Amino acid sequence: MISLPRLYPILDASSFADAESLCRSATELVAGGVTLLQYRNKSGNAQPMLEQARELKRQLGNTVKLIMNDRADLCLAAQFDGVHVGQEDISPEAARKVMGGGLWLGVSTHNAGQLAEADRTTADYLAIGPVFATGSKANPDPVIGLEGVRQARSLTRKPLVAIGGITRVNCREVIAAGADTVAVISALLREPRKSAEEFFRILG
């Protein structure tokens, strides 16, 4: 079973003006102690996605595990370490077929039924959320709250990532409810290095 760090930053391309600012943020996060990063780009345009992903890999090298959101093919092309798929993306089985057994596979879930189903796949870790209200998605799923995290914990022995509206103020509660890791987007955008260091200090 894989071991996840307490903090799992997600770099959403829509939050950055260009590849340069995205990579600069990633470099700062790594300087702040981050060892696992997800690159997310929902624009649907594969070429700029691949270019950004390759630039991330070039600048960060092997200092951090890089996860590609949604696209198993681009994960391989950019030499990333794994892929994360959502409920509307390709299935975990299809993603595994594309990338083989050596890379990490994560699956997003939003309720107990989806999590129980994902638990039966070859996914290495499962994500549950949104825990709290979030502005990172245009049409977010219903908020599950801390009780949803506790329920998810009871349904799987795989590493559990909580996502959605997680900040330095509420992250400890989320870990206490059973999550192994918190995935964060918005709360790391300002002063990425300092913010990451603060998260690690709070999470212990």
C-alpha atoms as a PDB file:
ATOM      1  CA  MET A   1       0.000   0.000   0.000  1.00  0.00           C
ATOM      2  CA  ILE A   2       1.271   3.467  -0.876  1.00  0.00           C
ATOM      3  CA  SER A   3       1.964   6.125   1.744  1.00  0.00           C
ATOM      4  CA  LEU A   4       0.666   9.652   1.164  1.00  0.00           C
ATOM      5  CA  PRO A   5       1.977  12.876   2.705  1.00  0.00           C
ATOM      6  CA  ARG A   6      -0.475  14.886   4.830  1.00  0.00           C
ATOM      7  CA  LEU A   7      -0.735  17.653   2.213  1.00  0.00           C
ATOM      8  CA  TYR A   8      -1.654  17.064  -1.439  1.00  0.00           C
ATOM      9  CA  PRO A   9      -1.648  20.336  -3.414  1.00  0.00           C
ATOM     10  CA  ILE A  10      -3.558  20.529  -6.685  1.00  0.00           C
ATOM     11  CA  LEU A  11      -2.273  22.971  -9.289  1.00  0.00           C
ATOM     12  CA  ASP A  12      -5.300  24.031 -11.295  1.00  0.00           C
ATOM     13  CA  ALA A  13      -4.129  25.632 -14.548  1.00  0.00           C
ATOM     14  CA  SER A  14      -7.135  27.986 -14.557  1.00  0.00           C
ATOM     15  CA  SER A  15      -5.742  29.672 -11.416  1.00  0.00           C
ATOM     16  CA  PHE A  16      -2.556  30.765 -13.191  1.00  0.00           C
ATOM     17  CA  ALA A  17      -1.892  33.287 -15.957  1.00  0.00           C
ATOM     18  CA  ASP A  18       0.615  31.067 -17.759  1.00  0.00           C
ATOM     19  CA  ALA A  19       2.928  28.066 -17.473  1.00  0.00           C
ATOM     20  CA  GLU A  20       5.640  30.210 -15.919  1.00  0.00           C
ATOM     21  CA  SER A  21       3.499  31.282 -12.958  1.00  0.00           C
ATOM     22  CA  LEU A  22       2.204  27.719 -12.511  1.00  0.00           C
ATOM     23  CA  CYS A  23       5.738  26.317 -12.402  1.00  0.00           C
ATOM     24  CA  ARG A  24       6.875  29.078 -10.057  1.00  0.00           C
ATOM     25  CA  SER A  25       4.094  28.170  -7.636  1.00  0.00           C
ATOM     26  CA  ALA A  26       4.998  24.480  -7.899  1.00  0.00           C
ATOM     27  CA  THR A  27       8.660  25.223  -7.141  1.00  0.00           C
ATOM     28  CA  GLU A  28       7.658  27.258  -4.086  1.00  0.00           C
ATOM     29  CA  LEU A  29       5.391  24.462  -2.840  1.00  0.00           C
ATOM     30  CA  VAL A  30       8.240  21.962  -3.108  1.00  0.00           C
ATOM     31  CA  ALA A  31      10.501  24.391  -1.224  1.00  0.00           C
ATOM     32  CA  GLY A  32       7.794  24.400   1.464  1.00  0.00           C
ATOM     33  CA  GLY A  33       8.064  20.633   1.908  1.00  0.00           C
ATOM     34  CA  VAL A  34       5.522  19.335  -0.627  1.00  0.00           C
ATOM     35  CA  THR A  35       6.334  15.876  -2.048  1.00  0.00           C
ATOM     36  CA  LEU A  36       3.135  15.165  -4.005  1.00  0.00           C
ATOM     37  CA  LEU A  37       1.479  17.444  -6.582  1.00  0.00           C
ATOM     38  CA  GLN A  38      -1.441  17.059  -8.941  1.00  0.00           C
ATOM     39  CA  TYR A  39      -1.642  18.987 -12.211  1.00  0.00           C
ATOM     40  CA  ARG A  40      -5.223  19.728 -13.242  1.00  0.00           C
ATOM     41  CA  ASN A  41      -6.256  21.364 -16.503  1.00  0.00           C
ATOM     42  CA  LYS A  42      -9.898  21.124 -17.548  1.00  0.00           C
ATOM     43  CA  SER A  43      -9.488  23.187 -20.749  1.00  0.00           C
ATOM     44  CA  GLY A  44      -9.625  19.978 -22.790  1.00  0.00           C
ATOM     45  CA  ASN A  45      -6.788  21.115 -25.066  1.00  0.00           C
ATOM     46  CA  ALA A  46      -4.199  18.333 -24.956  1.00  0.00           C
ATOM     47  CA  GLN A  47      -1.252  20.158 -26.541  1.00  0.00           C
ATOM     48  CA  PRO A  48      -0.886  23.029 -24.049  1.00  0.00           C
ATOM     49  CA  MET A  49      -1.645  20.574 -21.236  1.00  0.00           C
ATOM     50  CA  LEU A  50       1.229  18.364 -22.319  1.00  0.00           C
ATOM     51  CA  GLU A  51       3.570  21.331 -22.740  1.00  0.00           C
ATOM     52  CA  GLN A  52       2.773  22.622 -19.242  1.00  0.00           C
ATOM     53  CA  ALA A  53       3.096  19.139 -17.758  1.00  0.00           C
ATOM     54  CA  ARG A  54       6.466  18.569 -19.393  1.00  0.00           C
ATOM     55  CA  GLU A  55       7.703  21.936 -18.162  1.00  0.00           C
ATOM     56  CA  LEU A  56       6.607  21.014 -14.626  1.00  0.00           C
ATOM     57  CA  LYS A  57       8.483  17.734 -14.898  1.00  0.00           C
ATOM     58  CA  ARG A  58      11.557  19.457 -16.336  1.00  0.00           C
ATOM     59  CA  GLN A  59      11.708  21.995 -13.517  1.00  0.00           C
ATOM     60  CA  LEU A  60      10.836  19.676 -10.637  1.00  0.00           C
ATOM     61  CA  GLY A  61      12.491  16.471 -11.842  1.00  0.00           C
ATOM     62  CA  ASN A  62      12.198  13.700  -9.274  1.00  0.00           C
ATOM     63  CA  THR A  63      11.933  15.979  -6.229  1.00  0.00           C
ATOM     64  CA  VAL A  64       8.164  15.427  -6.107  1.00  0.00           C
ATOM     65  CA  LYS A  65       5.601  12.848  -7.239  1.00  0.00           C
ATOM     66  CA  LEU A  66       3.560  14.330 -10.080  1.00  0.00           C
ATOM     67  CA  ILE A  67      -0.015  13.199 -10.714  1.00  0.00           C
ATOM     68  CA  MET A  68      -1.918  14.029 -13.908  1.00  0.00           C
ATOM     69  CA  ASN A  69      -5.605  14.754 -13.535  1.00  0.00           C
ATOM     70  CA  ASP A  70      -7.848  12.764 -15.878  1.00  0.00           C
ATOM     71  CA  ARG A  71      -5.456  11.962 -18.749  1.00  0.00           C
ATOM     72  CA  ALA A  72      -3.571   8.667 -18.472  1.00  0.00           C
ATOM     73  CA  ASP A  73      -2.109   9.198 -21.954  1.00  0.00           C
ATOM     74  CA  LEU A  74      -0.630  12.576 -21.013  1.00  0.00           C
ATOM     75  CA  CYS A  75       0.615  11.113 -17.737  1.00  0.00           C
ATOM     76  CA  LEU A  76       2.776   8.727 -19.738  1.00  0.00           C
ATOM     77  CA  ALA A  77       3.816  11.324 -22.317  1.00  0.00           C
ATOM     78  CA  ALA A  78       4.949  13.762 -19.604  1.00  0.00           C
ATOM     79  CA  GLN A  79       6.589  10.978 -17.541  1.00  0.00           C
ATOM     80  CA  PHE A  80       4.411  11.692 -14.517  1.00  0.00           C
ATOM     81  CA  ASP A  81       4.097   9.293 -11.583  1.00  0.00           C
ATOM     82  CA  GLY A  82       0.374   8.633 -11.747  1.00  0.00           C
ATOM     83  CA  VAL A  83      -3.092   9.715 -12.795  1.00  0.00           C
ATOM     84  CA  HIS A  84      -6.193  10.824 -10.913  1.00  0.00           C
ATOM     85  CA  VAL A  85      -9.602  10.188 -12.455  1.00  0.00           C
ATOM     86  CA  GLY A  86     -13.012  11.561 -11.543  1.00  0.00           C
ATOM     87  CA  GLN A  87     -16.490  10.133 -11.906  1.00  0.00           C
ATOM     88  CA  GLU A  88     -16.905  11.697 -15.368  1.00  0.00           C
ATOM     89  CA  ASP A  89     -13.447  10.712 -16.621  1.00  0.00           C
ATOM     90  CA  ILE A  90     -12.252   7.378 -17.986  1.00  0.00           C
ATOM     91  CA  SER A  91     -12.797   4.449 -15.641  1.00  0.00           C
ATOM     92  CA  PRO A  92     -10.065   3.347 -13.215  1.00  0.00           C
ATOM     93  CA  GLU A  93      -9.775   0.087 -15.196  1.00  0.00           C
ATOM     94  CA  ALA A  94      -9.267   1.963 -18.467  1.00  0.00           C
ATOM     95  CA  ALA A  95      -6.702   4.272 -16.870  1.00  0.00           C
ATOM     96  CA  ARG A  96      -4.821   1.298 -15.430  1.00  0.00           C
ATOM     97  CA  LYS A  97      -4.809  -0.397 -18.827  1.00  0.00           C
ATOM     98  CA  VAL A  98      -3.205   2.667 -20.405  1.00  0.00           C
ATOM     99  CA  MET A  99      -0.539   3.293 -17.775  1.00  0.00           C
ATOM    100  CA  GLY A 100       0.208  -0.178 -16.437  1.00  0.00           C
ATOM    101  CA  GLY A 101       0.764  -1.329 -12.883  1.00  0.00           C
ATOM    102  CA  GLY A 102       3.754   0.713 -11.793  1.00  0.00           C
ATOM    103  CA  LEU A 103       2.141   4.151 -11.552  1.00  0.00           C
ATOM    104  CA  TRP A 104      -0.200   5.568  -8.912  1.00  0.00           C
ATOM    105  CA  LEU A 105      -3.928   5.691  -9.588  1.00  0.00           C
ATOM    106  CA  GLY A 106      -6.328   7.866  -7.614  1.00  0.00           C
ATOM    107  CA  VAL A 107     -10.111   8.045  -7.923  1.00  0.00           C
ATOM    108  CA  SER A 108     -12.470  10.879  -6.912  1.00  0.00           C
ATOM    109  CA  THR A 109     -15.699   9.911  -5.157  1.00  0.00           C
ATOM    110  CA  HIS A 110     -18.535  12.016  -3.755  1.00  0.00           C
ATOM    111  CA  ASN A 111     -20.645   9.617  -1.703  1.00  0.00           C
ATOM    112  CA  ALA A 112     -20.527   6.248   0.053  1.00  0.00           C
ATOM    113  CA  GLY A 113     -21.726   4.287  -2.987  1.00  0.00           C
ATOM    114  CA  GLN A 114     -19.087   5.698  -5.300  1.00  0.00           C
ATOM    115  CA  LEU A 115     -16.369   5.165  -2.704  1.00  0.00           C
ATOM    116  CA  ALA A 116     -17.337   1.539  -2.087  1.00  0.00           C
ATOM    117  CA  GLU A 117     -17.272   0.922  -5.843  1.00  0.00           C
ATOM    118  CA  ALA A 118     -13.885   2.638  -6.277  1.00  0.00           C
ATOM    119  CA  ASP A 119     -12.512   0.599  -3.376  1.00  0.00           C
ATOM    120  CA  ARG A 120     -12.969  -2.549  -5.484  1.00  0.00           C
ATOM    121  CA  THR A 121     -10.793  -1.189  -8.312  1.00  0.00           C
ATOM    122  CA  THR A 122      -6.990  -1.197  -8.553  1.00  0.00           C
ATOM    123  CA  ALA A 123      -6.914   2.427  -7.323  1.00  0.00           C
ATOM    124  CA  ASP A 124      -4.002   3.118  -4.969  1.00  0.00           C
ATOM    125  CA  TYR A 125      -5.852   5.858  -3.100  1.00  0.00           C
ATOM    126  CA  LEU A 126      -9.392   7.245  -2.961  1.00  0.00           C
ATOM    127  CA  ALA A 127     -10.536  10.847  -2.687  1.00  0.00           C
ATOM    128  CA  ILE A 128     -13.780  11.950  -1.031  1.00  0.00           C
ATOM    129  CA  GLY A 129     -15.456  15.350  -1.141  1.00  0.00           C
ATOM    130  CA  PRO A 130     -16.355  18.100  -1.211  1.00  0.00           C
ATOM    131  CA  VAL A 131     -15.982  18.116   2.568  1.00  0.00           C
ATOM    132  CA  PHE A 132     -16.864  21.814   2.784  1.00  0.00           C
ATOM    133  CA  ALA A 133     -18.262  24.321   0.288  1.00  0.00           C
ATOM    134  CA  THR A 134     -15.741  25.032  -2.466  1.00  0.00           C
ATOM    135  CA  GLY A 135     -15.294  27.561  -5.231  1.00  0.00           C
ATOM    136  CA  SER A 136     -12.878  25.422  -7.261  1.00  0.00           C
ATOM    137  CA  LYS A 137     -15.586  23.710  -9.320  1.00  0.00           C
ATOM    138  CA  ALA A 138     -18.358  25.251 -11.401  1.00  0.00           C
ATOM    139  CA  ASN A 139     -20.938  22.602 -10.424  1.00  0.00           C
ATOM    140  CA  PRO A 140     -19.732  20.996  -7.196  1.00  0.00           C
ATOM    141  CA  ASP A 141     -21.287  17.852  -5.759  1.00  0.00           C
ATOM    142  CA  PRO A 142     -23.225  18.107  -2.472  1.00  0.00           C
ATOM    143  CA  VAL A 143     -21.075  18.847   0.576  1.00  0.00           C
ATOM    144  CA  ILE A 144     -20.462  15.693   2.655  1.00  0.00           C
ATOM    145  CA  GLY A 145     -19.120  17.316   5.829  1.00  0.00           C
ATOM    146  CA  LEU A 146     -16.904  15.626   8.408  1.00  0.00           C
ATOM    147  CA  GLU A 147     -19.494  12.871   8.841  1.00  0.00           C
ATOM    148  CA  GLY A 148     -19.002  11.983   5.170  1.00  0.00           C
ATOM    149  CA  VAL A 149     -15.268  11.645   5.774  1.00  0.00           C
ATOM    150  CA  ARG A 150     -15.910   9.381   8.776  1.00  0.00           C
ATOM    151  CA  GLN A 151     -18.256   7.230   6.702  1.00  0.00           C
ATOM    152  CA  ALA A 152     -15.717   7.002   3.877  1.00  0.00           C
ATOM    153  CA  ARG A 153     -13.029   5.935   6.347  1.00  0.00           C
ATOM    154  CA  SER A 154     -15.207   3.065   7.517  1.00  0.00           C
ATOM    155  CA  LEU A 155     -15.606   1.799   3.945  1.00  0.00           C
ATOM    156  CA  THR A 156     -11.986   1.504   2.830  1.00  0.00           C
ATOM    157  CA  ARG A 157      -8.533   0.609   4.081  1.00  0.00           C
ATOM    158  CA  LYS A 158      -6.896   2.433   1.184  1.00  0.00           C
ATOM    159  CA  PRO A 159      -5.305   5.850   1.751  1.00  0.00           C
ATOM    160  CA  LEU A 160      -8.093   8.445   1.913  1.00  0.00           C
ATOM    161  CA  VAL A 161      -7.726  11.956   0.516  1.00  0.00           C
ATOM    162  CA  ALA A 162     -10.257  14.598   1.575  1.00  0.00           C
ATOM    163  CA  ILE A 163     -10.923  17.534  -0.742  1.00  0.00           C
ATOM    164  CA  GLY A 164     -13.162  20.583  -0.953  1.00  0.00           C
ATOM    165  CA  GLY A 165     -12.958  23.849   0.968  1.00  0.00           C
ATOM    166  CA  ILE A 166     -10.074  22.679   3.165  1.00  0.00           C
ATOM    167  CA  THR A 167      -8.071  25.442   4.829  1.00  0.00           C
ATOM    168  CA  ARG A 168      -5.511  25.849   7.593  1.00  0.00           C
ATOM    169  CA  VAL A 169      -8.438  26.502   9.969  1.00  0.00           C
ATOM    170  CA  ASN A 170     -10.302  23.212   9.375  1.00  0.00           C
ATOM    171  CA  CYS A 171      -7.649  20.768   8.125  1.00  0.00           C
ATOM    172  CA  ARG A 172      -6.974  19.145  11.509  1.00  0.00           C
ATOM    173  CA  GLU A 173     -10.648  18.306  11.921  1.00  0.00           C
ATOM    174  CA  VAL A 174     -10.585  16.568   8.543  1.00  0.00           C
ATOM    175  CA  ILE A 175      -7.609  14.404   9.510  1.00  0.00           C
ATOM    176  CA  ALA A 176      -9.263  13.653  12.868  1.00  0.00           C
ATOM    177  CA  ALA A 177     -12.372  12.485  10.978  1.00  0.00           C
ATOM    178  CA  GLY A 178     -10.291   9.796   9.247  1.00  0.00           C
ATOM    179  CA  ALA A 179      -8.620  11.291   6.171  1.00  0.00           C
ATOM    180  CA  ASP A 180      -4.953  10.451   5.667  1.00  0.00           C
ATOM    181  CA  THR A 181      -4.342  13.478   3.485  1.00  0.00           C
ATOM    182  CA  VAL A 182      -5.934  16.820   2.596  1.00  0.00           C
ATOM    183  CA  ALA A 183      -6.015  18.002  -1.010  1.00  0.00           C
ATOM    184  CA  VAL A 184      -5.845  21.777  -1.299  1.00  0.00           C
ATOM    185  CA  ILE A 185      -6.182  24.212  -4.211  1.00  0.00           C
ATOM    186  CA  SER A 186      -7.274  27.736  -3.223  1.00  0.00           C
ATOM    187  CA  ALA A 187      -5.622  27.913   0.213  1.00  0.00           C
ATOM    188  CA  LEU A 188      -2.174  27.490  -1.374  1.00  0.00           C
ATOM    189  CA  LEU A 189      -2.435  30.131  -4.105  1.00  0.00           C
ATOM    190  CA  ARG A 190      -1.125  33.046  -2.025  1.00  0.00           C
ATOM    191  CA  GLU A 191       2.452  32.674  -0.804  1.00  0.00           C
ATOM    192  CA  PRO A 192       2.641  28.966  -1.731  1.00  0.00           C
ATOM    193  CA  ARG A 193       5.812  28.153   0.209  1.00  0.00           C
ATOM    194  CA  LYS A 194       4.700  29.841   3.420  1.00  0.00           C
ATOM    195  CA  SER A 195       1.188  28.408   3.113  1.00  0.00           C
ATOM    196  CA  ALA A 196       2.517  24.865   2.622  1.00  0.00           C
ATOM    197  CA  GLU A 197       4.834  25.214   5.612  1.00  0.00           C
ATOM    198  CA  GLU A 198       1.911  26.388   7.756  1.00  0.00           C
ATOM    199  CA  PHE A 199      -0.229  23.433   6.651  1.00  0.00           C
ATOM    200  CA  PHE A 200       2.559  20.994   7.563  1.00  0.00           C
ATOM    201  CA  ARG A 201       3.034  22.644  10.933  1.00  0.00           C
ATOM    202  CA  ILE A 202      -0.694  22.409  11.712  1.00  0.00           C
ATOM    203  CA  LEU A 203      -1.029  18.843  10.400  1.00  0.00           C
ATOM    204  CA  GLY A 204       2.021  17.642  12.357  1.00  0.00           C
END
